[in-house]
Amino acid sequence: MSDILPLTIGVLPTHNHYGLRNTQALAGVSHVWQDFFARALAEQLGDTPDALAVQVPAPADPAVEPSAGADLLSQILTQRECDVKDTEITPPEPLFLPIAEFETDLLPPAATPFPEEEIVAQQRQQNFESGWVRPIVLTAGQPLPAPGPAPEPRPLHLPIAEFELDLLPPAATPYPAEELVAQQKALDFDYYWARPLVTQNLRLAA
């Protein structure tokens, strides 16, 4: 590192100057490579009968030997000649689905209801078939079963407030004796003094 000297612009020393040495070495190498490339080009394109460019290549069997990229090149050329157009991609639009629960006009028309007389007749016919015709048809030709014991009557449980005191509403809190005396005095005052006076005034005004 001590041999590398800082030089000013425009000074070209010849002692311990590695830049000059590198330039000279590279120049020699460049001459060598130029000579090598000139000889290789002469072998390829020269006028001698041994030149590679003069020799006719032997026909290759495409079934055995590779086509040296000819198929790939033809595919690339074919793709380049294709008329390529840009496809404009738009965002998806919201899909409108008619919902019959919200648009009642999309629902099928309601069926015509049966008249009440026809409904009553249908119910009577169904009761007749279920309670009389069907049991007779199912038990036709079979011996009648022995009648079993009838169900015993059981007491019907009805919640009656007179017998079940827990069903009654809770009893009211009784008034104290002082409040009962005050209420009685107010009632006596209204009944024996205020009421006759108001009634008399109404009679005089009438």
Foldseek 3Di string as FASTA:
>chain_A
DVLDDDDDPPDDDDPSHVVVVVVVVVVVVVVVVVVVVVVLVCLQDNPDPNRVVNDDDDDDDVVPDPPVCPVVVVVVVVVVPDDDDDDDDDDDDDDDDDDCVVVVVPDDDDDDDDDPVVVVVVVVVVCCCVVPVVVCVVCPPHDDDDDDDDDDDDDDDDDDCVVVVVPDDDDDDDDDPVVVVVVVVVVCCCVPPVVVVVVVVVVVVD
